[in-house]
Amino acid sequence: MQRHNFKRLKIWKEGMFLIKETYKIVRNFPDFEKFNLVSQLIRCAVSIPSNIAEGTSKRTNRHFIQYLENSLGSAFEWETQLIIAYSEKYISEERFKECELKIQEI
């Protein structure tokens, strides 16, 4: 298997964009969410491109695919946390829809 340069992968770049967006989103959350929802959203967002990058170091496509699946799991987890943030009115409907669309693209 030819190893990928993760920095050139569109999915990795989109994951990095999602991290930036996540940090923007959580700035306005209540303080009591700092160690709960804020922490969870950030960890999920960081995990998405991190797993992609780690997967590119693997020698076989099978292993690479496993890391992509882990990344997908983090994306679903992030979307769930986003739904919670929206249901608690921490983010607007417009922002929610923008982010939901972005995660579905990933």
PDB file of N, CA and C in Angstrom:
ATOM      1  N   MET A   1       0.844  -1.189   0.000  1.00  0.00           N
ATOM      2  CA  MET A   1       0.000   0.000   0.000  1.00  0.00           C
ATOM      3  C   MET A   1       0.882   1.244   0.000  1.00  0.00           C
ATOM      4  N   GLN A   2       0.550   2.162  -0.839  1.00  0.00           N
ATOM      5  CA  GLN A   2       1.243   3.446  -0.851  1.00  0.00           C
ATOM      6  C   GLN A   2       0.679   4.282   0.288  1.00  0.00           C
ATOM      7  N   ARG A   3       1.539   4.866   1.068  1.00  0.00           N
ATOM      8  CA  ARG A   3       1.078   5.694   2.183  1.00  0.00           C
ATOM      9  C   ARG A   3       0.611   7.037   1.660  1.00  0.00           C
ATOM     10  N   HIS A   4      -0.400   7.539   2.325  1.00  0.00           N
ATOM     11  CA  HIS A   4      -0.977   8.827   1.940  1.00  0.00           C
ATOM     12  C   HIS A   4      -0.280   9.953   2.695  1.00  0.00           C
ATOM     13  N   ASN A   5      -0.222  11.098   2.093  1.00  0.00           N
ATOM     14  CA  ASN A   5       0.198  12.294   2.807  1.00  0.00           C
ATOM     15  C   ASN A   5      -1.088  12.901   3.367  1.00  0.00           C
ATOM     16  N   PHE A   6      -1.333  12.687   4.663  1.00  0.00           N
ATOM     17  CA  PHE A   6      -2.613  13.093   5.249  1.00  0.00           C
ATOM     18  C   PHE A   6      -2.903  14.572   5.070  1.00  0.00           C
ATOM     19  N   LYS A   7      -1.871  15.398   4.993  1.00  0.00           N
ATOM     20  CA  LYS A   7      -2.084  16.844   4.850  1.00  0.00           C
ATOM     21  C   LYS A   7      -2.682  17.213   3.494  1.00  0.00           C
ATOM     22  N   ARG A   8      -2.597  16.300   2.554  1.00  0.00           N
ATOM     23  CA  ARG A   8      -3.169  16.546   1.226  1.00  0.00           C
ATOM     24  C   ARG A   8      -4.579  15.986   1.077  1.00  0.00           C
ATOM     25  N   LEU A   9      -5.018  15.197   2.033  1.00  0.00           N
ATOM     26  CA  LEU A   9      -6.342  14.575   1.938  1.00  0.00           C
ATOM     27  C   LEU A   9      -7.435  15.592   2.247  1.00  0.00           C
ATOM     28  N   LYS A  10      -8.407  15.685   1.369  1.00  0.00           N
ATOM     29  CA  LYS A  10      -9.517  16.624   1.553  1.00  0.00           C
ATOM     30  C   LYS A  10     -10.258  16.352   2.867  1.00  0.00           C
ATOM     31  N   ILE A  11     -10.457  15.084   3.187  1.00  0.00           N
ATOM     32  CA  ILE A  11     -11.192  14.735   4.396  1.00  0.00           C
ATOM     33  C   ILE A  11     -10.446  15.204   5.652  1.00  0.00           C
ATOM     34  N   TRP A  12      -9.110  15.127   5.623  1.00  0.00           N
ATOM     35  CA  TRP A  12      -8.319  15.605   6.748  1.00  0.00           C
ATOM     36  C   TRP A  12      -8.453  17.125   6.877  1.00  0.00           C
ATOM     37  N   LYS A  13      -8.376  17.824   5.744  1.00  0.00           N
ATOM     38  CA  LYS A  13      -8.511  19.285   5.759  1.00  0.00           C
ATOM     39  C   LYS A  13      -9.874  19.702   6.292  1.00  0.00           C
ATOM     40  N   GLU A  14     -10.914  18.990   5.888  1.00  0.00           N
ATOM     41  CA  GLU A  14     -12.260  19.311   6.378  1.00  0.00           C
ATOM     42  C   GLU A  14     -12.378  19.026   7.869  1.00  0.00           C
ATOM     43  N   GLY A  15     -11.719  17.978   8.321  1.00  0.00           N
ATOM     44  CA  GLY A  15     -11.692  17.695   9.752  1.00  0.00           C
ATOM     45  C   GLY A  15     -11.005  18.799  10.535  1.00  0.00           C
ATOM     46  N   MET A  16      -9.922  19.327   9.986  1.00  0.00           N
ATOM     47  CA  MET A  16      -9.217  20.439  10.642  1.00  0.00           C
ATOM     48  C   MET A  16     -10.090  21.688  10.692  1.00  0.00           C
ATOM     49  N   PHE A  17     -10.846  21.926   9.622  1.00  0.00           N
ATOM     50  CA  PHE A  17     -11.786  23.051   9.598  1.00  0.00           C
ATOM     51  C   PHE A  17     -12.839  22.871  10.693  1.00  0.00           C
ATOM     52  N   LEU A  18     -13.298  21.639  10.865  1.00  0.00           N
ATOM     53  CA  LEU A  18     -14.315  21.359  11.876  1.00  0.00           C
ATOM     54  C   LEU A  18     -13.795  21.663  13.288  1.00  0.00           C
ATOM     55  N   ILE A  19     -12.524  21.416  13.518  1.00  0.00           N
ATOM     56  CA  ILE A  19     -11.941  21.747  14.822  1.00  0.00           C
ATOM     57  C   ILE A  19     -12.038  23.250  15.070  1.00  0.00           C
ATOM     58  N   LYS A  20     -11.661  24.042  14.079  1.00  0.00           N
ATOM     59  CA  LYS A  20     -11.741  25.503  14.223  1.00  0.00           C
ATOM     60  C   LYS A  20     -13.174  25.945  14.500  1.00  0.00           C
ATOM     61  N   GLU A  21     -14.107  25.369  13.771  1.00  0.00           N
ATOM     62  CA  GLU A  21     -15.517  25.717  13.974  1.00  0.00           C
ATOM     63  C   GLU A  21     -15.991  25.314  15.370  1.00  0.00           C
ATOM     64  N   THR A  22     -15.530  24.177  15.834  1.00  0.00           N
ATOM     65  CA  THR A  22     -15.917  23.706  17.164  1.00  0.00           C
ATOM     66  C   THR A  22     -15.449  24.680  18.226  1.00  0.00           C
ATOM     67  N   TYR A  23     -14.214  25.132  18.134  1.00  0.00           N
ATOM     68  CA  TYR A  23     -13.711  26.101  19.108  1.00  0.00           C
ATOM     69  C   TYR A  23     -14.518  27.405  19.077  1.00  0.00           C
ATOM     70  N   LYS A  24     -14.927  27.822  17.898  1.00  0.00           N
ATOM     71  CA  LYS A  24     -15.768  29.023  17.800  1.00  0.00           C
ATOM     72  C   LYS A  24     -17.125  28.795  18.469  1.00  0.00           C
ATOM     73  N   ILE A  25     -17.697  27.637  18.231  1.00  0.00           N
ATOM     74  CA  ILE A  25     -19.026  27.323  18.764  1.00  0.00           C
ATOM     75  C   ILE A  25     -19.021  27.296  20.283  1.00  0.00           C
ATOM     76  N   VAL A  26     -18.047  26.629  20.873  1.00  0.00           N
ATOM     77  CA  VAL A  26     -18.083  26.399  22.320  1.00  0.00           C
ATOM     78  C   VAL A  26     -17.715  27.632  23.140  1.00  0.00           C
ATOM     79  N   ARG A  27     -17.187  28.657  22.500  1.00  0.00           N
ATOM     80  CA  ARG A  27     -16.846  29.875  23.243  1.00  0.00           C
ATOM     81  C   ARG A  27     -18.054  30.483  23.953  1.00  0.00           C
ATOM     82  N   ASN A  28     -19.239  30.274  23.403  1.00  0.00           N
ATOM     83  CA  ASN A  28     -20.437  30.898  23.969  1.00  0.00           C
ATOM     84  C   ASN A  28     -21.256  29.959  24.844  1.00  0.00           C
ATOM     85  N   PHE A  29     -20.751  28.783  25.117  1.00  0.00           N
ATOM     86  CA  PHE A  29     -21.474  27.853  25.975  1.00  0.00           C
ATOM     87  C   PHE A  29     -21.379  28.314  27.439  1.00  0.00           C
ATOM     88  N   PRO A  30     -22.323  27.916  28.259  1.00  0.00           N
ATOM     89  CA  PRO A  30     -22.255  28.262  29.689  1.00  0.00           C
ATOM     90  C   PRO A  30     -21.004  27.671  30.343  1.00  0.00           C
ATOM     91  N   ASP A  31     -20.514  28.336  31.362  1.00  0.00           N
ATOM     92  CA  ASP A  31     -19.306  27.885  32.056  1.00  0.00           C
ATOM     93  C   ASP A  31     -19.435  26.472  32.616  1.00  0.00           C
ATOM     94  N   PHE A  32     -20.622  26.113  33.061  1.00  0.00           N
ATOM     95  CA  PHE A  32     -20.772  24.793  33.672  1.00  0.00           C
ATOM     96  C   PHE A  32     -20.625  23.659  32.659  1.00  0.00           C
ATOM     97  N   GLU A  33     -20.622  23.983  31.378  1.00  0.00           N
ATOM     98  CA  GLU A  33     -20.425  22.967  30.335  1.00  0.00           C
ATOM     99  C   GLU A  33     -18.952  22.775  29.975  1.00  0.00           C
ATOM    100  N   LYS A  34     -18.073  23.558  30.612  1.00  0.00           N
ATOM    101  CA  LYS A  34     -16.656  23.521  30.269  1.00  0.00           C
ATOM    102  C   LYS A  34     -16.076  22.104  30.322  1.00  0.00           C
ATOM    103  N   PHE A  35     -16.408  21.342  31.347  1.00  0.00           N
ATOM    104  CA  PHE A  35     -15.847  20.004  31.499  1.00  0.00           C
ATOM    105  C   PHE A  35     -16.814  18.923  31.045  1.00  0.00           C
ATOM    106  N   ASN A  36     -17.885  19.322  30.427  1.00  0.00           N
ATOM    107  CA  ASN A  36     -18.874  18.364  29.944  1.00  0.00           C
ATOM    108  C   ASN A  36     -18.963  18.445  28.423  1.00  0.00           C
ATOM    109  N   LEU A  37     -19.959  19.169  27.948  1.00  0.00           N
ATOM    110  CA  LEU A  37     -20.231  19.227  26.522  1.00  0.00           C
ATOM    111  C   LEU A  37     -19.093  19.892  25.734  1.00  0.00           C
ATOM    112  N   VAL A  38     -18.518  20.925  26.266  1.00  0.00           N
ATOM    113  CA  VAL A  38     -17.408  21.606  25.583  1.00  0.00           C
ATOM    114  C   VAL A  38     -16.250  20.637  25.380  1.00  0.00           C
ATOM    115  N   SER A  39     -15.859  19.986  26.444  1.00  0.00           N
ATOM    116  CA  SER A  39     -14.761  19.031  26.383  1.00  0.00           C
ATOM    117  C   SER A  39     -15.067  17.899  25.405  1.00  0.00           C
ATOM    118  N   GLN A  40     -16.278  17.399  25.440  1.00  0.00           N
ATOM    119  CA  GLN A  40     -16.666  16.293  24.569  1.00  0.00           C
ATOM    120  C   GLN A  40     -16.644  16.707  23.094  1.00  0.00           C
ATOM    121  N   LEU A  41     -17.193  17.870  22.784  1.00  0.00           N
ATOM    122  CA  LEU A  41     -17.190  18.352  21.398  1.00  0.00           C
ATOM    123  C   LEU A  41     -15.769  18.527  20.863  1.00  0.00           C
ATOM    124  N   ILE A  42     -14.913  19.110  21.669  1.00  0.00           N
ATOM    125  CA  ILE A  42     -13.536  19.336  21.237  1.00  0.00           C
ATOM    126  C   ILE A  42     -12.814  18.010  21.028  1.00  0.00           C
ATOM    127  N   ARG A  43     -12.966  17.075  21.971  1.00  0.00           N
ATOM    128  CA  ARG A  43     -12.299  15.786  21.831  1.00  0.00           C
ATOM    129  C   ARG A  43     -12.776  15.042  20.592  1.00  0.00           C
ATOM    130  N   CYS A  44     -14.066  15.091  20.325  1.00  0.00           N
ATOM    131  CA  CYS A  44     -14.603  14.426  19.126  1.00  0.00           C
ATOM    132  C   CYS A  44     -14.047  15.069  17.865  1.00  0.00           C
ATOM    133  N   ALA A  45     -14.058  16.395  17.825  1.00  0.00           N
ATOM    134  CA  ALA A  45     -13.575  17.107  16.641  1.00  0.00           C
ATOM    135  C   ALA A  45     -12.101  16.811  16.383  1.00  0.00           C
ATOM    136  N   VAL A  46     -11.303  16.840  17.424  1.00  0.00           N
ATOM    137  CA  VAL A  46      -9.869  16.583  17.284  1.00  0.00           C
ATOM    138  C   VAL A  46      -9.621  15.144  16.837  1.00  0.00           C
ATOM    139  N   SER A  47     -10.448  14.243  17.291  1.00  0.00           N
ATOM    140  CA  SER A  47     -10.288  12.826  16.965  1.00  0.00           C
ATOM    141  C   SER A  47     -10.493  12.530  15.478  1.00  0.00           C
ATOM    142  N   ILE A  48     -11.339  13.309  14.820  1.00  0.00           N
ATOM    143  CA  ILE A  48     -11.650  13.031  13.409  1.00  0.00           C
ATOM    144  C   ILE A  48     -10.402  13.115  12.524  1.00  0.00           C
ATOM    145  N   PRO A  49      -9.730  14.262  12.424  1.00  0.00           N
ATOM    146  CA  PRO A  49      -8.533  14.296  11.564  1.00  0.00           C
ATOM    147  C   PRO A  49      -7.348  13.544  12.175  1.00  0.00           C
ATOM    148  N   SER A  50      -7.322  13.411  13.492  1.00  0.00           N
ATOM    149  CA  SER A  50      -6.225  12.678  14.130  1.00  0.00           C
ATOM    150  C   SER A  50      -6.231  11.215  13.721  1.00  0.00           C
ATOM    151  N   ASN A  51      -7.401  10.606  13.699  1.00  0.00           N
ATOM    152  CA  ASN A  51      -7.488   9.210  13.268  1.00  0.00           C
ATOM    153  C   ASN A  51      -7.136   9.054  11.794  1.00  0.00           C
ATOM    154  N   ILE A  52      -7.543  10.017  10.990  1.00  0.00           N
ATOM    155  CA  ILE A  52      -7.196   9.975   9.563  1.00  0.00           C
ATOM    156  C   ILE A  52      -5.676  10.041   9.407  1.00  0.00           C
ATOM    157  N   ALA A  53      -5.047  10.968  10.111  1.00  0.00           N
ATOM    158  CA  ALA A  53      -3.594  11.111  10.029  1.00  0.00           C
ATOM    159  C   ALA A  53      -2.897   9.842  10.510  1.00  0.00           C
ATOM    160  N   GLU A  54      -3.338   9.297  11.618  1.00  0.00           N
ATOM    161  CA  GLU A  54      -2.715   8.080  12.139  1.00  0.00           C
ATOM    162  C   GLU A  54      -2.896   6.914  11.168  1.00  0.00           C
ATOM    163  N   GLY A  55      -4.057   6.834  10.573  1.00  0.00           N
ATOM    164  CA  GLY A  55      -4.324   5.759   9.622  1.00  0.00           C
ATOM    165  C   GLY A  55      -3.413   5.780   8.417  1.00  0.00           C
ATOM    166  N   THR A  56      -2.982   6.970   8.015  1.00  0.00           N
ATOM    167  CA  THR A  56      -2.105   7.047   6.837  1.00  0.00           C
ATOM    168  C   THR A  56      -0.732   6.447   7.108  1.00  0.00           C
ATOM    169  N   SER A  57      -0.391   6.241   8.361  1.00  0.00           N
ATOM    170  CA  SER A  57       0.911   5.650   8.691  1.00  0.00           C
ATOM    171  C   SER A  57       0.894   4.127   8.636  1.00  0.00           C
ATOM    172  N   LYS A  58      -0.258   3.539   8.488  1.00  0.00           N
ATOM    173  CA  LYS A  58      -0.381   2.081   8.518  1.00  0.00           C
ATOM    174  C   LYS A  58       0.031   1.469   7.191  1.00  0.00           C
ATOM    175  N   ARG A  59       0.470   0.243   7.246  1.00  0.00           N
ATOM    176  CA  ARG A  59       1.047  -0.417   6.071  1.00  0.00           C
ATOM    177  C   ARG A  59       0.016  -1.033   5.140  1.00  0.00           C
ATOM    178  N   THR A  60      -1.164  -1.324   5.626  1.00  0.00           N
ATOM    179  CA  THR A  60      -2.146  -1.988   4.767  1.00  0.00           C
ATOM    180  C   THR A  60      -3.415  -1.150   4.665  1.00  0.00           C
ATOM    181  N   ASN A  61      -4.127  -1.347   3.578  1.00  0.00           N
ATOM    182  CA  ASN A  61      -5.410  -0.659   3.405  1.00  0.00           C
ATOM    183  C   ASN A  61      -6.383  -1.055   4.494  1.00  0.00           C
ATOM    184  N   ARG A  62      -6.331  -2.317   4.925  1.00  0.00           N
ATOM    185  CA  ARG A  62      -7.233  -2.788   5.976  1.00  0.00           C
ATOM    186  C   ARG A  62      -7.064  -1.958   7.258  1.00  0.00           C
ATOM    187  N   HIS A  63      -5.825  -1.710   7.631  1.00  0.00           N
ATOM    188  CA  HIS A  63      -5.568  -0.916   8.829  1.00  0.00           C
ATOM    189  C   HIS A  63      -5.966   0.548   8.626  1.00  0.00           C
ATOM    190  N   PHE A  64      -5.675   1.060   7.434  1.00  0.00           N
ATOM    191  CA  PHE A  64      -6.063   2.430   7.124  1.00  0.00           C
ATOM    192  C   PHE A  64      -7.576   2.587   7.222  1.00  0.00           C
ATOM    193  N   ILE A  65      -8.303   1.632   6.665  1.00  0.00           N
ATOM    194  CA  ILE A  65      -9.772   1.673   6.710  1.00  0.00           C
ATOM    195  C   ILE A  65     -10.277   1.631   8.153  1.00  0.00           C
ATOM    196  N   GLN A  66      -9.612   0.862   8.990  1.00  0.00           N
ATOM    197  CA  GLN A  66     -10.010   0.795  10.400  1.00  0.00           C
ATOM    198  C   GLN A  66      -9.927   2.182  11.050  1.00  0.00           C
ATOM    199  N   TYR A  67      -8.889   2.922  10.747  1.00  0.00           N
ATOM    200  CA  TYR A  67      -8.751   4.269  11.314  1.00  0.00           C
ATOM    201  C   TYR A  67      -9.771   5.232  10.715  1.00  0.00           C
ATOM    202  N   LEU A  68     -10.088   5.051   9.445  1.00  0.00           N
ATOM    203  CA  LEU A  68     -11.149   5.862   8.844  1.00  0.00           C
ATOM    204  C   LEU A  68     -12.492   5.579   9.524  1.00  0.00           C
ATOM    205  N   GLU A  69     -12.738   4.319   9.864  1.00  0.00           N
ATOM    206  CA  GLU A  69     -13.968   3.972  10.570  1.00  0.00           C
ATOM    207  C   GLU A  69     -13.991   4.589  11.966  1.00  0.00           C
ATOM    208  N   ASN A  70     -12.846   4.620  12.634  1.00  0.00           N
ATOM    209  CA  ASN A  70     -12.771   5.289  13.939  1.00  0.00           C
ATOM    210  C   ASN A  70     -13.084   6.773  13.799  1.00  0.00           C
ATOM    211  N   SER A  71     -12.572   7.364  12.739  1.00  0.00           N
ATOM    212  CA  SER A  71     -12.838   8.774  12.466  1.00  0.00           C
ATOM    213  C   SER A  71     -14.325   9.011  12.226  1.00  0.00           C
ATOM    214  N   LEU A  72     -14.941   8.109  11.479  1.00  0.00           N
ATOM    215  CA  LEU A  72     -16.380   8.211  11.229  1.00  0.00           C
ATOM    216  C   LEU A  72     -17.165   8.102  12.534  1.00  0.00           C
ATOM    217  N   GLY A  73     -16.741   7.216  13.411  1.00  0.00           N
ATOM    218  CA  GLY A  73     -17.389   7.091  14.720  1.00  0.00           C
ATOM    219  C   GLY A  73     -17.301   8.388  15.507  1.00  0.00           C
ATOM    220  N   SER A  74     -16.148   9.030  15.464  1.00  0.00           N
ATOM    221  CA  SER A  74     -15.986  10.323  16.144  1.00  0.00           C
ATOM    222  C   SER A  74     -16.870  11.381  15.513  1.00  0.00           C
ATOM    223  N   ALA A  75     -17.038  11.327  14.200  1.00  0.00           N
ATOM    224  CA  ALA A  75     -17.909  12.281  13.508  1.00  0.00           C
ATOM    225  C   ALA A  75     -19.360  12.101  13.960  1.00  0.00           C
ATOM    226  N   PHE A  76     -19.808  10.857  14.089  1.00  0.00           N
ATOM    227  CA  PHE A  76     -21.175  10.602  14.563  1.00  0.00           C
ATOM    228  C   PHE A  76     -21.336  11.056  16.011  1.00  0.00           C
ATOM    229  N   GLU A  77     -20.295  10.832  16.805  1.00  0.00           N
ATOM    230  CA  GLU A  77     -20.327  11.272  18.199  1.00  0.00           C
ATOM    231  C   GLU A  77     -20.399  12.794  18.265  1.00  0.00           C
ATOM    232  N   TRP A  78     -19.602  13.470  17.431  1.00  0.00           N
ATOM    233  CA  TRP A  78     -19.606  14.931  17.395  1.00  0.00           C
ATOM    234  C   TRP A  78     -20.995  15.439  17.005  1.00  0.00           C
ATOM    235  N   GLU A  79     -21.610  14.792  16.006  1.00  0.00           N
ATOM    236  CA  GLU A  79     -22.946  15.210  15.577  1.00  0.00           C
ATOM    237  C   GLU A  79     -23.959  15.040  16.698  1.00  0.00           C
ATOM    238  N   THR A  80     -23.834  13.987  17.475  1.00  0.00           N
ATOM    239  CA  THR A  80     -24.722  13.780  18.615  1.00  0.00           C
ATOM    240  C   THR A  80     -24.548  14.893  19.640  1.00  0.00           C
ATOM    241  N   GLN A  81     -23.312  15.263  19.924  1.00  0.00           N
ATOM    242  CA  GLN A  81     -23.046  16.361  20.862  1.00  0.00           C
ATOM    243  C   GLN A  81     -23.607  17.678  20.324  1.00  0.00           C
ATOM    244  N   LEU A  82     -23.521  17.862  19.025  1.00  0.00           N
ATOM    245  CA  LEU A  82     -24.081  19.058  18.388  1.00  0.00           C
ATOM    246  C   LEU A  82     -25.602  19.103  18.557  1.00  0.00           C
ATOM    247  N   ILE A  83     -26.247  17.972  18.383  1.00  0.00           N
ATOM    248  CA  ILE A  83     -27.701  17.893  18.573  1.00  0.00           C
ATOM    249  C   ILE A  83     -28.064  18.279  20.006  1.00  0.00           C
ATOM    250  N   ILE A  84     -27.272  17.814  20.955  1.00  0.00           N
ATOM    251  CA  ILE A  84     -27.506  18.168  22.359  1.00  0.00           C
ATOM    252  C   ILE A  84     -27.345  19.672  22.554  1.00  0.00           C
ATOM    253  N   ALA A  85     -26.284  20.243  21.988  1.00  0.00           N
ATOM    254  CA  ALA A  85     -26.054  21.686  22.110  1.00  0.00           C
ATOM    255  C   ALA A  85     -27.205  22.476  21.517  1.00  0.00           C
ATOM    256  N   TYR A  86     -27.714  22.020  20.398  1.00  0.00           N
ATOM    257  CA  TYR A  86     -28.853  22.692  19.766  1.00  0.00           C
ATOM    258  C   TYR A  86     -30.111  22.543  20.625  1.00  0.00           C
ATOM    259  N   SER A  87     -30.340  21.360  21.153  1.00  0.00           N
ATOM    260  CA  SER A  87     -31.546  21.149  21.971  1.00  0.00           C
ATOM    261  C   SER A  87     -31.513  21.961  23.254  1.00  0.00           C
ATOM    262  N   GLU A  88     -30.312  22.263  23.735  1.00  0.00           N
ATOM    263  CA  GLU A  88     -30.163  23.097  24.932  1.00  0.00           C
ATOM    264  C   GLU A  88     -30.109  24.589  24.594  1.00  0.00           C
ATOM    265  N   LYS A  89     -30.252  24.899  23.299  1.00  0.00           N
ATOM    266  CA  LYS A  89     -30.274  26.276  22.800  1.00  0.00           C
ATOM    267  C   LYS A  89     -28.933  26.993  22.984  1.00  0.00           C
ATOM    268  N   TYR A  90     -27.841  26.230  22.939  1.00  0.00           N
ATOM    269  CA  TYR A  90     -26.512  26.829  23.003  1.00  0.00           C
ATOM    270  C   TYR A  90     -26.084  27.344  21.634  1.00  0.00           C
ATOM    271  N   ILE A  91     -26.707  26.819  20.575  1.00  0.00           N
ATOM    272  CA  ILE A  91     -26.418  27.282  19.225  1.00  0.00           C
ATOM    273  C   ILE A  91     -27.734  27.522  18.487  1.00  0.00           C
ATOM    274  N   SER A  92     -27.678  28.407  17.514  1.00  0.00           N
ATOM    275  CA  SER A  92     -28.869  28.742  16.741  1.00  0.00           C
ATOM    276  C   SER A  92     -29.200  27.619  15.756  1.00  0.00           C
ATOM    277  N   GLU A  93     -30.403  27.664  15.240  1.00  0.00           N
ATOM    278  CA  GLU A  93     -30.809  26.676  14.248  1.00  0.00           C
ATOM    279  C   GLU A  93     -29.953  26.797  12.987  1.00  0.00           C
ATOM    280  N   GLU A  94     -29.672  28.021  12.589  1.00  0.00           N
ATOM    281  CA  GLU A  94     -28.850  28.246  11.400  1.00  0.00           C
ATOM    282  C   GLU A  94     -27.456  27.638  11.580  1.00  0.00           C
ATOM    283  N   ARG A  95     -26.848  27.900  12.723  1.00  0.00           N
ATOM    284  CA  ARG A  95     -25.511  27.366  13.010  1.00  0.00           C
ATOM    285  C   ARG A  95     -25.542  25.843  13.068  1.00  0.00           C
ATOM    286  N   PHE A  96     -26.589  25.318  13.695  1.00  0.00           N
ATOM    287  CA  PHE A  96     -26.757  23.871  13.790  1.00  0.00           C
ATOM    288  C   PHE A  96     -26.810  23.241  12.403  1.00  0.00           C
ATOM    289  N   LYS A  97     -27.617  23.820  11.524  1.00  0.00           N
ATOM    290  CA  LYS A  97     -27.766  23.266  10.173  1.00  0.00           C
ATOM    291  C   LYS A  97     -26.461  23.346   9.387  1.00  0.00           C
ATOM    292  N   GLU A  98     -25.732  24.456   9.538  1.00  0.00           N
ATOM    293  CA  GLU A  98     -24.434  24.589   8.864  1.00  0.00           C
ATOM    294  C   GLU A  98     -23.471  23.494   9.307  1.00  0.00           C
ATOM    295  N   CYS A  99     -23.399  23.296  10.610  1.00  0.00           N
ATOM    296  CA  CYS A  99     -22.479  22.306  11.154  1.00  0.00           C
ATOM    297  C   CYS A  99     -22.936  20.884  10.830  1.00  0.00           C
ATOM    298  N   GLU A 100     -24.202  20.664  10.855  1.00  0.00           N
ATOM    299  CA  GLU A 100     -24.722  19.331  10.533  1.00  0.00           C
ATOM    300  C   GLU A 100     -24.390  18.976   9.080  1.00  0.00           C
ATOM    301  N   LEU A 101     -24.510  19.941   8.218  1.00  0.00           N
ATOM    302  CA  LEU A 101     -24.184  19.722   6.798  1.00  0.00           C
ATOM    303  C   LEU A 101     -22.692  19.414   6.651  1.00  0.00           C
ATOM    304  N   LYS A 102     -21.862  20.151   7.364  1.00  0.00           N
ATOM    305  CA  LYS A 102     -20.414  19.955   7.275  1.00  0.00           C
ATOM    306  C   LYS A 102     -20.044  18.552   7.767  1.00  0.00           C
ATOM    307  N   ILE A 103     -20.605  18.107   8.860  1.00  0.00           N
ATOM    308  CA  ILE A 103     -20.251  16.786   9.378  1.00  0.00           C
ATOM    309  C   ILE A 103     -20.761  15.689   8.457  1.00  0.00           C
ATOM    310  N   GLN A 104     -21.874  15.917   7.819  1.00  0.00           N
ATOM    311  CA  GLN A 104     -22.387  14.915   6.879  1.00  0.00           C
ATOM    312  C   GLN A 104     -21.503  14.833   5.638  1.00  0.00           C
ATOM    313  N   GLU A 105     -20.909  15.948   5.238  1.00  0.00           N
ATOM    314  CA  GLU A 105     -19.962  15.928   4.125  1.00  0.00           C
ATOM    315  C   GLU A 105     -18.739  15.096   4.478  1.00  0.00           C
ATOM    316  N   ILE A 106     -18.294  15.249   5.695  1.00  0.00           N
ATOM    317  CA  ILE A 106     -17.113  14.487   6.151  1.00  0.00           C
ATOM    318  C   ILE A 106     -17.460  13.012   6.199  1.00  0.00           C
TER     319      ILE A 106
END
